[in-house]
């Protein structure tokens, strides 16, 4: 999965801009929903998430 909103907001508005913070909150909510879904199916303990972070 790629969450482009954070990348775009960070480049367009800066890393501390309200737009970037709002994008991060949306990604956090999406990842929470993913985890909740995996937990509901008893798959969370078998799952490995890799989150590469980059700066440019």
PDB file of N, CA and C in Angstrom:
ATOM      1  N   UNK A   1       0.846  -1.170   0.000  1.00  0.00           N
ATOM      2  CA  UNK A   1       0.000   0.000   0.000  1.00  0.00           C
ATOM      3  C   UNK A   1       0.887   1.227   0.000  1.00  0.00           C
ATOM      4  N   UNK A   2       0.453   2.212  -0.684  1.00  0.00           N
ATOM      5  CA  UNK A   2       1.179   3.478  -0.724  1.00  0.00           C
ATOM      6  C   UNK A   2       0.188   4.590  -0.422  1.00  0.00           C
ATOM      7  N   UNK A   3       0.508   5.409   0.551  1.00  0.00           N
ATOM      8  CA  UNK A   3      -0.358   6.511   0.941  1.00  0.00           C
ATOM      9  C   UNK A   3       0.264   7.806   0.429  1.00  0.00           C
ATOM     10  N   UNK A   4      -0.124   8.182  -0.756  1.00  0.00           N
ATOM     11  CA  UNK A   4       0.522   9.320  -1.408  1.00  0.00           C
ATOM     12  C   UNK A   4       0.148  10.668  -0.808  1.00  0.00           C
ATOM     13  N   UNK A   5      -0.946  10.754  -0.096  1.00  0.00           N
ATOM     14  CA  UNK A   5      -1.391  12.041   0.439  1.00  0.00           C
ATOM     15  C   UNK A   5      -0.355  12.665   1.367  1.00  0.00           C
ATOM     16  N   UNK A   6       0.282  11.844   2.187  1.00  0.00           N
ATOM     17  CA  UNK A   6       1.290  12.367   3.111  1.00  0.00           C
ATOM     18  C   UNK A   6       2.500  12.877   2.332  1.00  0.00           C
ATOM     19  N   UNK A   7       2.919  12.106   1.334  1.00  0.00           N
ATOM     20  CA  UNK A   7       4.059  12.500   0.513  1.00  0.00           C
ATOM     21  C   UNK A   7       3.784  13.823  -0.202  1.00  0.00           C
ATOM     22  N   UNK A   8       2.627  13.908  -0.819  1.00  0.00           N
ATOM     23  CA  UNK A   8       2.291  15.130  -1.555  1.00  0.00           C
ATOM     24  C   UNK A   8       2.145  16.330  -0.628  1.00  0.00           C
ATOM     25  N   UNK A   9       1.453  16.147   0.473  1.00  0.00           N
ATOM     26  CA  UNK A   9       1.274  17.257   1.402  1.00  0.00           C
ATOM     27  C   UNK A   9       2.616  17.715   1.968  1.00  0.00           C
ATOM     28  N   UNK A  10       3.475  16.757   2.273  1.00  0.00           N
ATOM     29  CA  UNK A  10       4.788  17.108   2.813  1.00  0.00           C
ATOM     30  C   UNK A  10       5.622  17.908   1.836  1.00  0.00           C
ATOM     31  N   UNK A  11       5.592  17.509   0.566  1.00  0.00           N
ATOM     32  CA  UNK A  11       6.359  18.236  -0.445  1.00  0.00           C
ATOM     33  C   UNK A  11       5.729  19.580  -0.778  1.00  0.00           C
ATOM     34  N   UNK A  12       4.410  19.596  -0.873  1.00  0.00           N
ATOM     35  CA  UNK A  12       3.714  20.821  -1.272  1.00  0.00           C
ATOM     36  C   UNK A  12       3.618  21.858  -0.160  1.00  0.00           C
ATOM     37  N   UNK A  13       3.420  21.393   1.066  1.00  0.00           N
ATOM     38  CA  UNK A  13       3.117  22.308   2.162  1.00  0.00           C
ATOM     39  C   UNK A  13       4.165  22.329   3.276  1.00  0.00           C
ATOM     40  N   UNK A  14       5.026  21.331   3.304  1.00  0.00           N
ATOM     41  CA  UNK A  14       6.031  21.244   4.357  1.00  0.00           C
ATOM     42  C   UNK A  14       5.662  20.198   5.382  1.00  0.00           C
ATOM     43  N   UNK A  15       6.664  19.666   6.067  1.00  0.00           N
ATOM     44  CA  UNK A  15       6.423  18.559   6.988  1.00  0.00           C
ATOM     45  C   UNK A  15       5.606  18.907   8.228  1.00  0.00           C
ATOM     46  N   UNK A  16       5.574  20.159   8.602  1.00  0.00           N
ATOM     47  CA  UNK A  16       4.824  20.530   9.810  1.00  0.00           C
ATOM     48  C   UNK A  16       3.523  21.253   9.491  1.00  0.00           C
ATOM     49  N   UNK A  17       3.165  21.305   8.227  1.00  0.00           N
ATOM     50  CA  UNK A  17       1.948  22.016   7.811  1.00  0.00           C
ATOM     51  C   UNK A  17       0.695  21.279   8.282  1.00  0.00           C
ATOM     52  N   UNK A  18      -0.384  22.008   8.510  1.00  0.00           N
ATOM     53  CA  UNK A  18      -1.640  21.370   8.913  1.00  0.00           C
ATOM     54  C   UNK A  18      -2.129  20.340   7.890  1.00  0.00           C
ATOM     55  N   UNK A  19      -1.871  20.587   6.613  1.00  0.00           N
ATOM     56  CA  UNK A  19      -2.285  19.643   5.576  1.00  0.00           C
ATOM     57  C   UNK A  19      -1.557  18.298   5.714  1.00  0.00           C
ATOM     58  N   UNK A  20      -0.286  18.371   6.074  1.00  0.00           N
ATOM     59  CA  UNK A  20       0.499  17.158   6.261  1.00  0.00           C
ATOM     60  C   UNK A  20       0.023  16.419   7.501  1.00  0.00           C
ATOM     61  N   UNK A  21      -0.250  17.146   8.549  1.00  0.00           N
ATOM     62  CA  UNK A  21      -0.757  16.523   9.773  1.00  0.00           C
ATOM     63  C   UNK A  21      -2.109  15.852   9.521  1.00  0.00           C
ATOM     64  N   UNK A  22      -2.976  16.502   8.735  1.00  0.00           N
ATOM     65  CA  UNK A  22      -4.281  15.915   8.415  1.00  0.00           C
ATOM     66  C   UNK A  22      -4.113  14.638   7.588  1.00  0.00           C
ATOM     67  N   UNK A  23      -3.178  14.660   6.653  1.00  0.00           N
ATOM     68  CA  UNK A  23      -2.916  13.465   5.841  1.00  0.00           C
ATOM     69  C   UNK A  23      -2.393  12.331   6.721  1.00  0.00           C
ATOM     70  N   UNK A  24      -1.528  12.646   7.657  1.00  0.00           N
ATOM     71  CA  UNK A  24      -1.015  11.628   8.573  1.00  0.00           C
ATOM     72  C   UNK A  24      -2.136  11.015   9.410  1.00  0.00           C
ATOM     73  N   UNK A  25      -3.071  11.835   9.843  1.00  0.00           N
ATOM     74  CA  UNK A  25      -4.190  11.320  10.630  1.00  0.00           C
ATOM     75  C   UNK A  25      -5.037  10.356   9.806  1.00  0.00           C
ATOM     76  N   UNK A  26      -5.214  10.649   8.511  1.00  0.00           N
ATOM     77  CA  UNK A  26      -5.985   9.751   7.650  1.00  0.00           C
ATOM     78  C   UNK A  26      -5.257   8.418   7.473  1.00  0.00           C
ATOM     79  N   UNK A  27      -3.956   8.468   7.287  1.00  0.00           N
ATOM     80  CA  UNK A  27      -3.182   7.239   7.147  1.00  0.00           C
ATOM     81  C   UNK A  27      -3.228   6.447   8.443  1.00  0.00           C
ATOM     82  N   UNK A  28      -3.115   7.130   9.569  1.00  0.00           N
ATOM     83  CA  UNK A  28      -3.200   6.457  10.861  1.00  0.00           C
ATOM     84  C   UNK A  28      -4.539   5.732  11.004  1.00  0.00           C
ATOM     85  N   UNK A  29      -5.613   6.375  10.593  1.00  0.00           N
ATOM     86  CA  UNK A  29      -6.937   5.758  10.669  1.00  0.00           C
ATOM     87  C   UNK A  29      -7.023   4.544   9.745  1.00  0.00           C
ATOM     88  N   UNK A  30      -6.441   4.648   8.558  1.00  0.00           N
ATOM     89  CA  UNK A  30      -6.468   3.524   7.618  1.00  0.00           C
ATOM     90  C   UNK A  30      -5.675   2.339   8.162  1.00  0.00           C
ATOM     91  N   UNK A  31      -4.513   2.605   8.738  1.00  0.00           N
ATOM     92  CA  UNK A  31      -3.709   1.527   9.306  1.00  0.00           C
ATOM     93  C   UNK A  31      -4.385   0.912  10.531  1.00  0.00           C
ATOM     94  N   UNK A  32      -5.068   1.730  11.300  1.00  0.00           N
ATOM     95  CA  UNK A  32      -5.830   1.206  12.447  1.00  0.00           C
ATOM     96  C   UNK A  32      -6.948   0.297  11.975  1.00  0.00           C
ATOM     97  N   UNK A  33      -7.625   0.679  10.892  1.00  0.00           N
ATOM     98  CA  UNK A  33      -8.693  -0.155  10.346  1.00  0.00           C
ATOM     99  C   UNK A  33      -8.120  -1.475   9.822  1.00  0.00           C
ATOM    100  N   UNK A  34      -6.948  -1.419   9.198  1.00  0.00           N
ATOM    101  CA  UNK A  34      -6.290  -2.634   8.722  1.00  0.00           C
ATOM    102  C   UNK A  34      -5.981  -3.559   9.894  1.00  0.00           C
ATOM    103  N   UNK A  35      -5.401  -2.995  10.929  1.00  0.00           N
ATOM    104  CA  UNK A  35      -5.078  -3.812  12.103  1.00  0.00           C
ATOM    105  C   UNK A  35      -6.343  -4.395  12.731  1.00  0.00           C
ATOM    106  N   UNK A  36      -7.358  -3.584  12.881  1.00  0.00           N
ATOM    107  CA  UNK A  36      -8.613  -4.072  13.469  1.00  0.00           C
ATOM    108  C   UNK A  36      -9.184  -5.224  12.652  1.00  0.00           C
ATOM    109  N   UNK A  37      -9.138  -5.100  11.327  1.00  0.00           N
ATOM    110  CA  UNK A  37      -9.647  -6.160  10.464  1.00  0.00           C
ATOM    111  C   UNK A  37      -8.842  -7.442  10.598  1.00  0.00           C
ATOM    112  N   UNK A  38      -7.530  -7.294  10.662  1.00  0.00           N
ATOM    113  CA  UNK A  38      -6.679  -8.473  10.838  1.00  0.00           C
ATOM    114  C   UNK A  38      -6.903  -9.125  12.192  1.00  0.00           C
ATOM    115  N   UNK A  39      -7.059  -8.301  13.220  1.00  0.00           N
ATOM    116  CA  UNK A  39      -7.334  -8.849  14.552  1.00  0.00           C
ATOM    117  C   UNK A  39      -8.681  -9.574  14.582  1.00  0.00           C
ATOM    118  N   UNK A  40      -9.681  -9.012  13.923  1.00  0.00           N
ATOM    119  CA  UNK A  40     -11.012  -9.618  13.904  1.00  0.00           C
ATOM    120  C   UNK A  40     -10.995 -10.991  13.244  1.00  0.00           C
ATOM    121  N   UNK A  41     -10.045 -11.200  12.342  1.00  0.00           N
ATOM    122  CA  UNK A  41      -9.932 -12.487  11.652  1.00  0.00           C
ATOM    123  C   UNK A  41      -8.838 -13.372  12.262  1.00  0.00           C
ATOM    124  N   UNK A  42      -8.365 -12.979  13.429  1.00  0.00           N
ATOM    125  CA  UNK A  42      -7.286 -13.700  14.121  1.00  0.00           C
ATOM    126  C   UNK A  42      -6.039 -13.858  13.254  1.00  0.00           C
ATOM    127  N   UNK A  43      -5.715 -12.834  12.494  1.00  0.00           N
ATOM    128  CA  UNK A  43      -4.544 -12.862  11.624  1.00  0.00           C
ATOM    129  C   UNK A  43      -3.447 -11.903  12.062  1.00  0.00           C
ATOM    130  N   UNK A  44      -3.738 -11.058  13.031  1.00  0.00           N
ATOM    131  CA  UNK A  44      -2.769 -10.034  13.418  1.00  0.00           C
ATOM    132  C   UNK A  44      -1.451 -10.635  13.904  1.00  0.00           C
ATOM    133  N   UNK A  45      -1.525 -11.689  14.695  1.00  0.00           N
ATOM    134  CA  UNK A  45      -0.309 -12.305  15.239  1.00  0.00           C
ATOM    135  C   UNK A  45       0.556 -12.963  14.166  1.00  0.00           C
ATOM    136  N   UNK A  46      -0.015 -13.192  12.991  1.00  0.00           N
ATOM    137  CA  UNK A  46       0.715 -13.826  11.900  1.00  0.00           C
ATOM    138  C   UNK A  46       1.165 -12.806  10.845  1.00  0.00           C
ATOM    139  N   UNK A  47       0.917 -11.548  11.107  1.00  0.00           N
ATOM    140  CA  UNK A  47       1.152 -10.505  10.119  1.00  0.00           C
ATOM    141  C   UNK A  47       2.385  -9.686  10.470  1.00  0.00           C
ATOM    142  N   UNK A  48       3.154  -9.372   9.455  1.00  0.00           N
ATOM    143  CA  UNK A  48       4.286  -8.464   9.614  1.00  0.00           C
ATOM    144  C   UNK A  48       4.061  -7.268   8.688  1.00  0.00           C
ATOM    145  N   UNK A  49       4.062  -6.097   9.257  1.00  0.00           N
ATOM    146  CA  UNK A  49       3.948  -4.886   8.457  1.00  0.00           C
ATOM    147  C   UNK A  49       5.318  -4.222   8.388  1.00  0.00           C
ATOM    148  N   UNK A  50       5.699  -3.853   7.207  1.00  0.00           N
ATOM    149  CA  UNK A  50       6.960  -3.149   7.005  1.00  0.00           C
ATOM    150  C   UNK A  50       6.608  -1.760   6.493  1.00  0.00           C
ATOM    151  N   UNK A  51       7.068  -0.754   7.198  1.00  0.00           N
ATOM    152  CA  UNK A  51       6.738   0.623   6.841  1.00  0.00           C
ATOM    153  C   UNK A  51       8.011   1.402   6.518  1.00  0.00           C
ATOM    154  N   UNK A  52       8.430   1.380   5.251  1.00  0.00           N
ATOM    155  CA  UNK A  52       9.609   2.169   4.893  1.00  0.00           C
ATOM    156  C   UNK A  52       9.248   3.652   4.851  1.00  0.00           C
ATOM    157  N   UNK A  53      10.051   4.439   5.472  1.00  0.00           N
ATOM    158  CA  UNK A  53       9.841   5.890   5.497  1.00  0.00           C
ATOM    159  C   UNK A  53      11.035   6.552   4.811  1.00  0.00           C
ATOM    160  N   UNK A  54      10.740   7.539   4.007  1.00  0.00           N
ATOM    161  CA  UNK A  54      11.813   8.226   3.312  1.00  0.00           C
ATOM    162  C   UNK A  54      11.658   9.734   3.450  1.00  0.00           C
ATOM    163  N   UNK A  55      12.729  10.415   3.260  1.00  0.00           N
ATOM    164  CA  UNK A  55      12.701  11.870   3.184  1.00  0.00           C
ATOM    165  C   UNK A  55      13.466  12.265   1.922  1.00  0.00           C
ATOM    166  N   UNK A  56      13.052  13.338   1.366  1.00  0.00           N
ATOM    167  CA  UNK A  56      13.745  13.781   0.142  1.00  0.00           C
ATOM    168  C   UNK A  56      13.938  15.279   0.185  1.00  0.00           C
TER     169      UNK A  56
END
